[in-house]
Amino acid sequence: MEFLLRLWDEADDWTGAFRHLARATLSELSAFTAPLAAAASAAGVWLLLPQYRLTAALLGCTATLWGVYRGAGGT
């Protein structure tokens, strides 16, 4: 019986570790994709709406710089 309890405890530890890794990976990916999505939308505006090119350029630069700032430990 003690063997089964130890086995169950070990399985629980591994499950917790994998859950933590999955959560951390999703968090990092979501922080990485937000500036890319904003830059991609700015590129779409740049290509499809020429009258808003300055706005699109500013949006793309702002999104990229904000992503770099957040990646460096900013909030």
Protein backbone atom coordinates (compact mmCIF):
# COMPACT_ATOMS: atom_id res chain seq x y z
CA MET A 1 0.00 0.00 0.00
CA GLU A 2 2.83 2.38 0.82
CA PHE A 3 4.33 1.70 -2.60
CA LEU A 4 1.12 2.83 -4.29
CA LEU A 5 1.01 6.01 -2.21
CA ARG A 6 4.60 6.85 -3.16
CA LEU A 7 3.86 6.10 -6.80
CA TRP A 8 0.77 8.32 -6.65
CA ASP A 9 2.79 11.12 -5.03
CA GLU A 10 5.47 10.86 -7.71
CA ALA A 11 2.85 10.97 -10.48
CA ASP A 12 1.29 14.02 -8.83
CA ASP A 13 4.68 15.76 -8.73
CA TRP A 14 5.29 15.08 -12.43
CA THR A 15 1.81 16.30 -13.33
CA GLY A 16 2.39 19.53 -11.41
CA ALA A 17 5.73 20.07 -13.13
CA PHE A 18 4.24 19.55 -16.59
CA ARG A 19 1.32 21.85 -15.74
CA HIS A 20 3.77 24.54 -14.65
CA LEU A 21 5.81 24.19 -17.86
CA ALA A 22 2.70 24.39 -20.02
CA ARG A 23 1.46 27.49 -18.21
CA ALA A 24 4.86 29.21 -18.47
CA THR A 25 5.15 28.35 -22.16
CA LEU A 26 1.70 29.74 -22.95
CA SER A 27 2.46 32.88 -20.99
CA GLU A 28 5.70 33.46 -22.89
CA LEU A 29 4.08 32.79 -26.26
CA SER A 30 1.20 35.15 -25.59
CA ALA A 31 3.61 37.91 -24.53
CA PHE A 32 5.59 37.31 -27.74
CA THR A 33 2.68 37.23 -30.18
CA ALA A 34 0.88 40.41 -29.10
CA PRO A 35 3.46 42.86 -30.54
CA LEU A 36 3.77 40.72 -33.66
CA ALA A 37 0.01 40.81 -34.21
CA ALA A 38 -0.02 44.59 -33.81
CA ALA A 39 2.89 44.97 -36.22
CA ALA A 40 1.16 42.67 -38.73
CA SER A 41 -2.03 44.72 -38.54
CA ALA A 42 0.03 47.87 -39.07
CA ALA A 43 1.62 46.26 -42.14
CA GLY A 44 -1.86 45.43 -43.43
CA VAL A 45 -2.96 49.04 -43.01
CA TRP A 46 0.26 50.17 -44.71
CA LEU A 47 -0.44 47.99 -47.75
CA LEU A 48 -4.22 48.30 -48.03
CA LEU A 49 -4.84 51.92 -47.02
CA PRO A 50 -2.13 54.20 -48.43
CA GLN A 51 -3.68 57.34 -46.93
CA TYR A 52 -2.97 55.97 -43.43
CA ARG A 53 0.67 54.98 -43.98
CA LEU A 54 2.07 57.35 -41.36
CA THR A 55 -0.40 56.06 -38.78
CA ALA A 56 0.47 52.47 -39.68
CA ALA A 57 4.19 53.16 -39.39
CA LEU A 58 3.72 54.74 -35.97
CA LEU A 59 1.52 51.84 -34.83
CA GLY A 60 4.08 49.27 -35.99
CA CYS A 61 6.98 51.07 -34.32
CA THR A 62 5.04 51.55 -31.11
CA ALA A 63 4.00 47.89 -30.99
CA THR A 64 7.54 46.71 -31.64
CA LEU A 65 9.11 49.01 -29.06
CA TRP A 66 6.44 48.15 -26.48
CA GLY A 67 7.11 44.45 -27.04
CA VAL A 68 10.84 44.98 -26.56
CA TYR A 69 10.21 47.09 -23.44
CA ARG A 70 7.90 44.46 -21.92
CA GLY A 71 10.37 41.71 -22.78
CA ALA A 72 13.10 43.61 -20.93
CA GLY A 73 11.16 43.45 -17.68
CA GLY A 74 8.88 46.47 -18.00
CA THR A 75 5.22 46.45 -17.10
